[in-house]
Amino acid sequence: MAYILVIDQSTSATKAIIFDEKANIVKRSNVYHKQIYPRPGWVEHDPEEIYNNTVLAIKTVLNESEVDPSEIIALGITNQRETALVWDKTTGKPVYNAVVWQCKRGEEICERIRSEETEEVIKKKTGLKLSPYFSAAKVKWILDNLNETYNRNNLLFGTIDCWLVWKLTKGESYATDYSNASRTQLFNIVDLKWDEELFSLFGIDLIEKPKVLCSDEIFGYTTAEGIFPKPIPICGVIGDSQGALFGQGCWSEGDIKATYGTGSSIMMNTGERVVISDKLSTSIAWGFGGKVSYVIEGNINFSGATLKWLAENLELIGSVKECSNIAKQVKSTDGVYFVPAFTGLASPYWNSRAKAAIVGMNVDTKKAHIVRAAEESMAYQVRDIIEAVKEVFPTNIYKLNADGGPTKDEFLMQFQADILGIPVCVNNLEEVSALGAMLMAGFGIKMWHKHSEVLNLIKHDRVYINNMDEITREQLYRGWKRAVDSVLINS
């Protein structure tokens, strides 16, 4: 029997997942890492902890599955994307913690270089709006705040996939894939290369840059600290949102999906077309079979994290799992809207100064109204992005493919279908990003050759149909837009 093992390195944890040849999950292991908040709006991860957790997750999943390590024929990686770090090539040690995608600390750097000309150059070359959300400002901040003296010619930078590949191959492979490179704001997505003008704009003077490969190429070989008896190929490397797009079978132009998690990603495949939007990000979907495909994407900073905030910070509920049932206790929010701008608002608003707010409360507002408003905020933000997609890529969107942990929330998924007015098709596999990496790896090592045989492995087990009339839908959405306007005005 042959298996593919995928590392899913997310914002909150590192998973190791074993897939069989039919893309079924055999076993998974999950190891959480610490969230570090040095200041309000700043978020960090310890890269060494993440790597150690990766090795631990691999050991654990193999032990619990009783799969022989010799039966693992490839290792894939899918990862949180814009999170960036810098490390010393000689010592292999990070010079600072990884700065997480949610982190706002690069805001001053962006403001310092912001001008009409620089924004136009950055957007044209990268498809991305100048923002601290992306990796470039994070890397610049790290380099500007080094506590020790380093030889800049000896420093490497990368996203989490690049770090894991480098560590797993003992420094033999310094590489990333097109999907991750395209989210750094340092990669020219038209010319398909690292762009020296962009490095100069951000004042980043690192000499060595990671090699950029297609997701189905072999990035190197690893024994994962001796876990595998002989080196296996690292193949199937892709950012988590693009991995979910591939895992959902959205391989054709016009296919769209939403991945719900700590934050959310709404992504449409635009094929070979580079579609530029002021409200959305344009990125590379993947390099596959020697060809590059593109996407337009909107990102939400707080989705599942909003419900976690209700439980852990506000202590309004016992756990996130309670939210769906509590939300159902009331027929509506009674005019209450929750705008979860805890770290500002990303696309389509791009306002990092906006503050979170609960608006529309009255003397009769109860816990259930606030919880329901928090749940609904996820669906409203998804609609915001789909409306922006329609502006630049006119097409009939007949359904939304959905995946991620929050899709288990029946209330949320039904409200999502209602507020969009189209069916929402939930993938029956929670680990869809990992599935995308696994399918990529399978193609890369020639486990299969035909697209059709792989698409048959991708299934949806629940479809939510719109039950809301158009008048109510648009009335609710107008209320949401007014609530958002109130936090933008006050930012």
Protein backbone atom coordinates (compact mmCIF):
# COMPACT_ATOMS: atom_id res chain seq x y z
CA MET A 1 0.00 0.00 0.00
CA ALA A 2 1.25 3.51 -0.80
CA TYR A 3 0.35 6.68 1.08
CA ILE A 4 0.99 10.42 0.81
CA LEU A 5 1.55 12.42 3.98
CA VAL A 6 0.63 16.11 3.98
CA ILE A 7 1.71 18.79 6.43
CA ASP A 8 -1.00 21.40 6.88
CA GLN A 9 0.71 24.25 8.71
CA SER A 10 -2.05 26.69 9.65
CA THR A 11 -2.36 29.81 11.78
CA SER A 12 -3.20 27.90 14.93
CA ALA A 13 -1.69 24.43 14.52
CA THR A 14 0.35 21.99 12.48
CA LYS A 15 -1.43 18.91 11.18
CA ALA A 16 0.03 15.77 9.69
CA ILE A 17 -2.48 13.93 7.53
CA ILE A 18 -2.07 10.56 5.83
CA PHE A 19 -4.01 9.97 2.61
CA ASP A 20 -4.41 6.69 0.77
CA GLU A 21 -4.36 6.32 -3.03
CA LYS A 22 -8.08 7.15 -3.25
CA ALA A 23 -7.62 10.44 -1.40
CA ASN A 24 -9.22 9.10 1.78
CA ILE A 25 -7.86 10.30 5.10
CA VAL A 26 -6.32 7.40 7.00
CA LYS A 27 -5.27 9.36 10.08
CA ARG A 28 -4.47 12.90 11.17
CA SER A 29 -2.55 14.43 14.04
CA ASN A 30 -2.82 18.02 15.26
CA VAL A 31 -0.26 19.96 17.33
CA TYR A 32 -1.07 23.54 18.40
CA HIS A 33 1.52 26.27 18.64
CA LYS A 34 1.63 29.40 20.75
CA GLN A 35 0.11 32.66 19.53
CA ILE A 36 2.40 35.54 20.50
CA TYR A 37 0.95 39.06 20.83
CA PRO A 38 3.75 41.55 21.70
CA ARG A 39 1.43 44.53 21.20
CA PRO A 40 -2.20 45.09 20.20
CA GLY A 41 -2.56 44.17 16.54
CA TRP A 42 0.80 42.36 16.43
CA VAL A 43 0.90 38.58 15.96
CA GLU A 44 3.94 36.28 15.93
CA HIS A 45 4.78 32.56 15.78
CA ASP A 46 7.95 30.78 16.83
CA PRO A 47 9.38 29.16 13.65
CA GLU A 48 11.42 26.63 15.62
CA GLU A 49 8.31 25.56 17.51
CA ILE A 50 6.45 25.15 14.22
CA TYR A 51 9.19 22.95 12.77
CA ASN A 52 9.45 20.85 15.95
CA ASN A 53 5.68 20.47 15.93
CA THR A 54 5.86 19.36 12.30
CA VAL A 55 8.22 16.55 13.18
CA LEU A 56 6.13 15.64 16.24
CA ALA A 57 2.93 15.59 14.17
CA ILE A 58 4.54 13.26 11.63
CA LYS A 59 5.73 10.89 14.36
CA THR A 60 2.36 10.92 16.07
CA VAL A 61 0.26 10.31 12.97
CA LEU A 62 2.45 7.40 11.90
CA ASN A 63 2.30 5.83 15.37
CA GLU A 64 -1.45 6.24 15.66
CA SER A 65 -2.18 5.05 12.15
CA GLU A 66 0.15 2.07 12.28
CA VAL A 67 1.19 2.94 8.72
CA ASP A 68 4.77 1.84 8.15
CA PRO A 69 6.99 4.88 7.38
CA SER A 70 8.36 2.99 4.38
CA GLU A 71 4.86 3.10 2.82
CA ILE A 72 4.88 6.93 2.66
CA ILE A 73 5.93 7.76 -0.90
CA ALA A 74 5.73 11.57 -0.82
CA LEU A 75 5.30 14.49 1.55
CA GLY A 76 3.16 17.50 0.60
CA ILE A 77 2.93 20.88 2.33
CA THR A 78 0.11 23.39 2.52
CA ASN A 79 0.51 26.45 4.69
CA GLN A 80 -0.63 29.79 6.05
CA ARG A 81 0.64 32.07 3.35
CA GLU A 82 1.70 35.67 3.99
CA THR A 83 3.34 34.83 7.33
CA ALA A 84 7.05 35.53 6.82
CA LEU A 85 10.38 35.03 8.53
CA VAL A 86 14.09 35.64 8.07
CA TRP A 87 16.80 33.20 9.13
CA ASP A 88 20.57 32.85 9.13
CA LYS A 89 21.80 30.52 6.41
CA THR A 90 24.80 29.30 8.43
CA THR A 91 23.23 28.71 11.83
CA GLY A 92 19.76 27.83 10.51
CA LYS A 93 18.28 29.99 13.25
CA PRO A 94 15.53 32.58 12.71
CA VAL A 95 16.67 36.10 13.45
CA TYR A 96 13.20 36.90 14.82
CA ASN A 97 9.84 35.20 15.21
CA ALA A 98 7.68 34.69 12.15
CA VAL A 99 5.42 37.71 11.61
CA VAL A 100 1.91 36.38 11.00
CA TRP A 101 -0.39 37.34 8.13
CA GLN A 102 -2.82 39.03 10.55
CA CYS A 103 -0.12 41.31 11.96
CA LYS A 104 -0.43 45.07 11.44
CA ARG A 105 3.12 46.10 12.35
CA GLY A 106 4.11 46.80 8.74
CA GLU A 107 1.58 49.61 8.49
CA GLU A 108 4.11 52.41 9.04
CA ILE A 109 6.43 50.90 6.44
CA CYS A 110 3.62 50.85 3.90
CA GLU A 111 2.67 54.44 4.69
CA ARG A 112 6.29 55.52 4.35
CA ILE A 113 6.57 54.23 0.78
CA ARG A 114 2.99 54.93 -0.22
CA SER A 115 2.45 57.20 -3.20
CA GLU A 116 0.25 57.05 -6.25
CA GLU A 117 3.23 55.92 -8.31
CA THR A 118 4.44 53.17 -5.96
CA GLU A 119 0.93 51.81 -5.46
CA GLU A 120 0.44 51.61 -9.22
CA VAL A 121 3.78 49.83 -9.70
CA ILE A 122 3.09 47.34 -6.92
CA LYS A 123 -0.44 46.59 -8.12
CA LYS A 124 0.65 46.18 -11.74
CA LYS A 125 3.51 43.82 -10.92
CA THR A 126 2.06 41.80 -8.05
CA GLY A 127 -1.72 42.12 -8.36
CA LEU A 128 -1.75 43.15 -4.70
CA LYS A 129 -2.69 46.38 -2.99
CA LEU A 130 0.07 47.87 -0.85
CA SER A 131 -0.75 46.53 2.60
CA PRO A 132 0.92 45.27 5.80
CA TYR A 133 -1.13 42.10 5.23
CA PHE A 134 1.43 40.78 2.74
CA SER A 135 4.94 39.53 3.43
CA ALA A 136 7.12 42.36 2.09
CA ALA A 137 6.45 44.88 4.89
CA LYS A 138 6.85 42.10 7.47
CA VAL A 139 10.28 41.14 6.11
CA LYS A 140 11.31 44.80 6.01
CA TRP A 141 10.23 45.26 9.64
CA ILE A 142 12.27 42.23 10.74
CA LEU A 143 15.38 43.50 8.95
CA ASP A 144 14.93 46.98 10.45
CA ASN A 145 14.62 45.62 13.99
CA LEU A 146 17.42 43.07 14.27
CA ASN A 147 18.87 42.93 17.78
CA GLU A 148 22.16 41.47 16.56
CA THR A 149 24.53 42.23 13.73
CA TYR A 150 24.03 39.91 10.76
CA ASN A 151 25.67 39.62 7.38
CA ARG A 152 22.79 40.50 5.04
CA ASN A 153 24.36 38.32 2.36
CA ASN A 154 23.90 35.35 4.67
CA LEU A 155 20.22 35.86 5.47
CA LEU A 156 17.36 33.97 3.85
CA PHE A 157 13.69 34.92 3.85
CA GLY A 158 10.56 33.02 3.06
CA THR A 159 7.04 32.04 3.88
CA ILE A 160 6.30 29.04 6.11
CA ASP A 161 6.40 26.52 3.25
CA CYS A 162 9.89 27.72 2.32
CA TRP A 163 11.06 27.44 5.93
CA LEU A 164 9.73 23.89 6.28
CA VAL A 165 11.24 22.77 2.96
CA TRP A 166 14.59 24.24 3.98
CA LYS A 167 14.50 22.58 7.42
CA LEU A 168 13.22 19.22 6.19
CA THR A 169 15.95 19.03 3.54
CA LYS A 170 18.66 20.12 5.99
CA GLY A 171 19.20 23.33 4.04
CA GLU A 172 19.66 21.62 0.68
CA SER A 173 16.53 23.14 -0.86
CA TYR A 174 15.69 26.82 -0.62
CA ALA A 175 12.45 26.98 -2.58
CA THR A 176 8.84 28.09 -2.53
CA ASP A 177 5.95 27.62 -4.96
CA TYR A 178 4.19 30.11 -7.22
CA SER A 179 1.10 30.40 -4.99
CA ASN A 180 3.12 31.42 -1.94
CA ALA A 181 5.57 33.62 -3.85
CA SER A 182 2.67 35.55 -5.36
CA ARG A 183 1.50 36.59 -1.89
CA THR A 184 4.77 38.16 -0.76
CA GLN A 185 4.32 41.43 -2.73
CA LEU A 186 7.87 40.91 -3.99
CA PHE A 187 7.11 38.58 -6.91
CA ASN A 188 6.17 39.73 -10.41
CA ILE A 189 3.19 37.57 -11.33
CA VAL A 190 3.30 38.57 -15.00
CA ASP A 191 7.01 38.02 -15.60
CA LEU A 192 7.05 35.14 -13.08
CA LYS A 193 10.16 36.22 -11.21
CA TRP A 194 11.36 38.00 -8.08
CA ASP A 195 11.33 41.70 -8.93
CA GLU A 196 14.33 43.83 -7.93
CA GLU A 197 12.33 47.05 -8.23
CA LEU A 198 9.90 45.75 -5.60
CA PHE A 199 12.74 44.79 -3.26
CA SER A 200 14.15 48.27 -3.74
CA LEU A 201 10.81 49.97 -3.05
CA PHE A 202 10.53 48.18 0.28
CA GLY A 203 14.21 48.72 1.06
CA ILE A 204 14.91 45.00 1.32
CA ASP A 205 18.52 44.30 0.40
CA LEU A 206 18.64 40.52 0.79
CA ILE A 207 20.75 38.92 -1.91
CA GLU A 208 19.45 35.36 -2.08
CA LYS A 209 15.87 34.59 -2.97
CA PRO A 210 14.10 31.22 -2.92
CA LYS A 211 13.73 29.31 -6.14
CA VAL A 212 10.10 29.33 -7.32
CA LEU A 213 8.67 26.01 -8.49
CA CYS A 214 5.38 24.59 -9.74
CA SER A 215 3.37 22.94 -6.98
CA ASP A 216 3.67 19.52 -8.61
CA GLU A 217 7.46 19.67 -8.88
CA ILE A 218 9.82 17.92 -6.48
CA PHE A 219 11.21 20.46 -3.99
CA GLY A 220 13.75 18.15 -2.41
CA TYR A 221 13.99 14.99 -0.34
CA THR A 222 13.62 14.37 3.39
CA THR A 223 13.73 11.70 6.07
CA ALA A 224 11.98 14.11 8.49
CA GLU A 225 14.72 13.80 11.11
CA GLY A 226 15.13 10.09 10.45
CA ILE A 227 11.45 9.15 10.67
CA PHE A 228 11.45 7.77 7.14
CA PRO A 229 13.95 4.96 6.46
CA LYS A 230 15.01 6.60 3.20
CA PRO A 231 14.52 10.09 1.75
CA ILE A 232 11.11 10.71 0.19
CA PRO A 233 10.23 13.52 -2.23
CA ILE A 234 8.67 16.75 -0.99
CA CYS A 235 6.09 17.37 -3.69
CA GLY A 236 2.72 19.10 -3.67
CA VAL A 237 3.61 22.42 -2.04
CA ILE A 238 0.87 25.06 -2.17
CA GLY A 239 -0.58 27.89 -0.08
CA ASP A 240 -3.61 26.85 1.96
CA SER A 241 -6.23 28.87 0.08
CA GLN A 242 -4.99 27.78 -3.33
CA GLY A 243 -4.70 24.25 -1.98
CA ALA A 244 -8.38 24.39 -1.07
CA LEU A 245 -9.24 25.67 -4.56
CA PHE A 246 -7.41 22.71 -6.08
CA GLY A 247 -8.87 20.31 -3.52
CA GLN A 248 -12.39 21.55 -4.34
CA GLY A 249 -11.83 20.68 -8.00
CA CYS A 250 -12.08 24.35 -9.03
CA TRP A 251 -9.72 23.84 -11.93
CA SER A 252 -11.67 25.78 -14.57
CA GLU A 253 -12.10 29.49 -15.23
CA GLY A 254 -15.02 30.88 -13.23
CA ASP A 255 -14.98 28.24 -10.49
CA ILE A 256 -15.22 29.84 -7.02
CA LYS A 257 -14.81 28.65 -3.45
CA ALA A 258 -14.78 29.98 0.10
CA THR A 259 -12.48 28.54 2.73
CA TYR A 260 -13.64 29.31 6.27
CA GLY A 261 -11.18 29.18 9.13
CA THR A 262 -9.56 31.62 11.54
CA GLY A 263 -9.97 34.03 8.65
CA SER A 264 -11.53 33.24 5.31
CA SER A 265 -10.46 33.22 1.68
CA ILE A 266 -12.86 33.62 -1.23
CA MET A 267 -11.15 32.75 -4.47
CA MET A 268 -12.12 32.50 -8.14
CA ASN A 269 -10.09 30.73 -10.79
CA THR A 270 -9.50 33.11 -13.72
CA GLY A 271 -7.48 30.65 -15.78
CA GLU A 272 -4.72 32.28 -17.83
CA ARG A 273 -6.24 35.75 -17.38
CA VAL A 274 -4.59 38.23 -15.03
CA VAL A 275 -7.59 40.18 -13.69
CA ILE A 276 -6.69 43.30 -11.69
CA SER A 277 -9.07 44.81 -9.13
CA ASP A 278 -8.67 47.66 -6.63
CA LYS A 279 -10.78 45.77 -4.11
CA LEU A 280 -9.37 42.27 -4.54
CA SER A 281 -6.01 40.58 -4.74
CA THR A 282 -4.79 38.98 -7.92
CA SER A 283 -2.53 36.01 -7.32
CA ILE A 284 -1.20 32.89 -8.91
CA ALA A 285 -3.40 29.88 -8.29
CA TRP A 286 -0.63 27.38 -8.92
CA GLY A 287 1.97 26.17 -11.31
CA PHE A 288 0.76 22.81 -12.54
CA GLY A 289 1.95 20.73 -15.44
CA GLY A 290 4.38 23.49 -16.37
CA LYS A 291 1.61 26.11 -16.72
CA VAL A 292 0.54 28.90 -14.41
CA SER A 293 -3.10 29.70 -13.58
CA TYR A 294 -4.36 32.87 -11.87
CA VAL A 295 -7.01 33.79 -9.31
CA ILE A 296 -8.74 36.80 -7.87
CA GLU A 297 -9.20 36.62 -4.14
CA GLY A 298 -10.65 38.42 -1.19
CA ASN A 299 -9.47 37.75 2.33
CA ILE A 300 -11.28 38.15 5.63
CA ASN A 301 -9.17 38.66 8.74
CA PHE A 302 -11.70 37.42 11.30
CA SER A 303 -14.14 34.58 10.63
CA GLY A 304 -13.92 31.66 13.04
CA ALA A 305 -11.67 33.87 15.16
CA THR A 306 -14.69 36.10 15.82
CA LEU A 307 -16.53 33.28 17.54
CA LYS A 308 -13.37 32.35 19.42
CA TRP A 309 -13.21 35.95 20.65
CA LEU A 310 -16.77 35.66 21.98
CA ALA A 311 -15.79 32.57 23.95
CA GLU A 312 -12.29 33.40 25.16
CA ASN A 313 -12.10 37.20 25.39
CA LEU A 314 -15.67 38.29 26.02
CA GLU A 315 -16.55 34.99 27.78
CA LEU A 316 -20.07 35.36 26.47
CA ILE A 317 -20.27 31.67 25.54
CA GLY A 318 -18.60 28.51 26.78
CA SER A 319 -17.23 27.37 23.45
CA VAL A 320 -17.43 28.06 19.73
CA LYS A 321 -19.47 24.89 19.25
CA GLU A 322 -22.39 26.52 21.09
CA CYS A 323 -22.75 29.37 18.60
CA SER A 324 -24.98 27.70 16.02
CA ASN A 325 -27.60 26.59 18.55
CA ILE A 326 -27.54 29.91 20.40
CA ALA A 327 -27.99 31.81 17.11
CA LYS A 328 -31.09 29.75 16.35
CA GLN A 329 -32.73 30.88 19.60
CA VAL A 330 -33.77 34.16 17.97
CA LYS A 331 -35.44 34.67 14.59
CA SER A 332 -33.15 37.56 13.69
CA THR A 333 -30.50 39.81 15.20
CA ASP A 334 -33.19 42.48 15.71
CA GLY A 335 -31.03 44.98 13.88
CA VAL A 336 -27.74 44.11 15.59
CA TYR A 337 -24.64 43.87 13.38
CA PHE A 338 -21.18 42.70 14.44
CA VAL A 339 -18.28 44.14 12.42
CA PRO A 340 -15.20 42.09 13.46
CA ALA A 341 -12.51 44.60 12.46
CA PHE A 342 -10.17 43.51 15.26
CA THR A 343 -7.13 43.94 13.01
CA GLY A 344 -8.78 46.28 10.55
CA LEU A 345 -10.74 45.23 7.48
CA ALA A 346 -9.08 43.55 4.51
CA SER A 347 -10.68 43.24 1.06
CA PRO A 348 -12.77 44.84 -0.28
CA TYR A 349 -12.30 47.73 2.21
CA TRP A 350 -8.55 47.70 2.85
CA ASN A 351 -8.70 49.76 6.00
CA SER A 352 -6.22 48.59 8.64
CA ARG A 353 -7.29 51.32 11.07
CA ALA A 354 -10.94 50.27 11.34
CA LYS A 355 -11.99 49.06 14.79
CA ALA A 356 -14.36 46.24 15.68
CA ALA A 357 -17.89 47.22 16.67
CA ILE A 358 -21.28 45.82 17.63
CA VAL A 359 -23.89 48.24 16.36
CA GLY A 360 -27.68 48.48 16.51
CA MET A 361 -28.18 47.23 20.07
CA ASN A 362 -31.16 48.25 22.14
CA VAL A 363 -32.47 47.52 25.62
CA ASP A 364 -33.94 44.20 24.47
CA THR A 365 -30.68 42.91 22.94
CA LYS A 366 -29.75 39.49 24.34
CA LYS A 367 -26.75 37.23 24.11
CA ALA A 368 -28.37 35.28 21.28
CA HIS A 369 -28.67 38.43 19.17
CA ILE A 370 -24.95 39.18 19.54
CA VAL A 371 -23.94 35.58 18.85
CA ARG A 372 -26.19 35.46 15.80
CA ALA A 373 -24.75 38.77 14.58
CA ALA A 374 -21.22 37.36 14.97
CA GLU A 375 -22.19 34.29 12.92
CA GLU A 376 -23.86 36.39 10.24
CA SER A 377 -20.80 38.66 9.97
CA MET A 378 -18.88 35.81 8.35
CA ALA A 379 -21.50 35.40 5.64
CA TYR A 380 -21.83 39.14 5.02
CA GLN A 381 -18.08 39.47 4.51
CA VAL A 382 -18.14 36.63 1.99
CA ARG A 383 -20.87 38.41 0.06
CA ASP A 384 -18.84 41.65 0.14
CA ILE A 385 -16.07 39.87 -1.71
CA ILE A 386 -18.31 38.08 -4.20
CA GLU A 387 -19.89 41.43 -5.08
CA ALA A 388 -16.39 42.77 -5.75
CA VAL A 389 -15.59 39.72 -7.90
CA LYS A 390 -18.64 40.37 -10.07
CA GLU A 391 -17.46 43.92 -10.75
CA VAL A 392 -14.27 42.80 -12.52
CA PHE A 393 -15.14 39.31 -13.72
CA PRO A 394 -18.74 39.40 -14.97
CA THR A 395 -20.04 35.86 -14.88
CA ASN A 396 -23.00 33.95 -13.56
CA ILE A 397 -22.02 32.38 -10.25
CA TYR A 398 -24.31 29.40 -9.85
CA LYS A 399 -22.89 28.00 -6.64
CA LEU A 400 -20.29 28.55 -3.96
CA ASN A 401 -18.00 25.67 -3.00
CA ALA A 402 -17.29 25.82 0.72
CA ASP A 403 -14.78 24.15 3.00
CA GLY A 404 -13.10 24.55 6.37
CA GLY A 405 -14.03 23.87 9.98
CA PRO A 406 -16.84 26.47 10.27
CA THR A 407 -18.75 24.75 7.42
CA LYS A 408 -19.93 22.26 10.06
CA ASP A 409 -22.01 25.12 11.44
CA GLU A 410 -25.44 24.53 9.87
CA PHE A 411 -26.78 27.95 10.82
CA LEU A 412 -23.83 29.71 9.20
CA MET A 413 -24.00 27.71 5.97
CA GLN A 414 -27.75 28.20 5.62
CA PHE A 415 -27.44 31.92 6.22
CA GLN A 416 -24.60 32.04 3.69
CA ALA A 417 -26.85 30.49 1.04
CA ASP A 418 -29.65 32.90 2.01
CA ILE A 419 -27.58 36.08 1.87
CA LEU A 420 -25.98 35.07 -1.45
CA GLY A 421 -29.13 33.68 -3.03
CA ILE A 422 -27.24 30.69 -4.50
CA PRO A 423 -26.54 27.12 -3.33
CA VAL A 424 -23.59 26.56 -1.02
CA CYS A 425 -21.94 23.17 -1.59
CA VAL A 426 -19.98 21.97 1.42
CA ASN A 427 -17.12 19.59 0.81
CA ASN A 428 -17.42 16.47 2.94
CA LEU A 429 -13.72 16.56 3.77
CA GLU A 430 -12.62 19.05 6.40
CA GLU A 431 -8.99 18.99 5.27
CA VAL A 432 -9.53 20.34 1.76
CA SER A 433 -6.32 22.39 1.64
CA ALA A 434 -4.39 19.26 2.54
CA LEU A 435 -6.35 17.33 -0.08
CA GLY A 436 -5.22 19.86 -2.69
CA ALA A 437 -1.59 19.35 -1.67
CA MET A 438 -2.09 15.59 -1.74
CA LEU A 439 -3.61 15.66 -5.24
CA MET A 440 -0.76 17.89 -6.45
CA ALA A 441 1.78 15.49 -4.97
CA GLY A 442 0.00 12.56 -6.61
CA PHE A 443 0.26 14.21 -10.01
CA GLY A 444 3.87 15.13 -9.33
CA ILE A 445 4.98 11.57 -8.55
CA LYS A 446 2.81 10.15 -11.36
CA MET A 447 0.39 8.37 -9.03
CA TRP A 448 -2.26 9.29 -11.58
CA HIS A 449 -2.25 10.91 -15.00
CA LYS A 450 -5.83 11.87 -15.96
CA HIS A 451 -7.71 14.80 -14.46
CA SER A 452 -11.01 12.93 -14.70
CA GLU A 453 -9.95 10.09 -12.42
CA VAL A 454 -8.90 12.60 -9.75
CA LEU A 455 -11.99 14.82 -10.00
CA ASN A 456 -14.08 11.73 -9.24
CA LEU A 457 -12.36 11.56 -5.86
CA ILE A 458 -13.68 15.02 -4.86
CA LYS A 459 -17.16 14.96 -3.32
CA HIS A 460 -19.67 17.31 -1.69
CA ASP A 461 -22.02 15.84 0.88
CA ARG A 462 -24.24 18.78 1.79
CA VAL A 463 -25.87 21.46 -0.34
CA TYR A 464 -27.61 24.41 1.30
CA ILE A 465 -30.34 26.03 -0.81
CA ASN A 466 -31.43 29.66 -0.48
CA ASN A 467 -34.64 30.03 1.55
CA MET A 468 -34.75 33.82 1.79
CA ASP A 469 -36.75 36.19 -0.42
CA GLU A 470 -34.84 38.85 -2.29
CA ILE A 471 -36.39 41.82 -0.48
CA THR A 472 -35.35 40.51 2.94
CA ARG A 473 -31.91 39.54 1.63
CA GLU A 474 -31.16 43.00 0.26
CA GLN A 475 -32.61 44.73 3.31
CA LEU A 476 -30.32 42.77 5.63
CA TYR A 477 -27.30 43.38 3.41
CA ARG A 478 -27.95 47.15 3.30
CA GLY A 479 -27.97 47.10 7.11
CA TRP A 480 -24.60 45.36 7.08
CA LYS A 481 -23.14 47.95 4.70
CA ARG A 482 -24.32 50.75 7.00
CA ALA A 483 -22.67 49.02 9.97
CA VAL A 484 -19.38 48.72 8.05
CA ASP A 485 -19.59 52.36 7.00
CA SER A 486 -19.85 53.36 10.66
CA VAL A 487 -16.49 51.77 11.54
CA LEU A 488 -14.83 53.12 8.39
CA ILE A 489 -16.00 56.66 9.16
CA ASN A 490 -14.60 56.43 12.67
CA SER A 491 -11.22 54.98 11.62
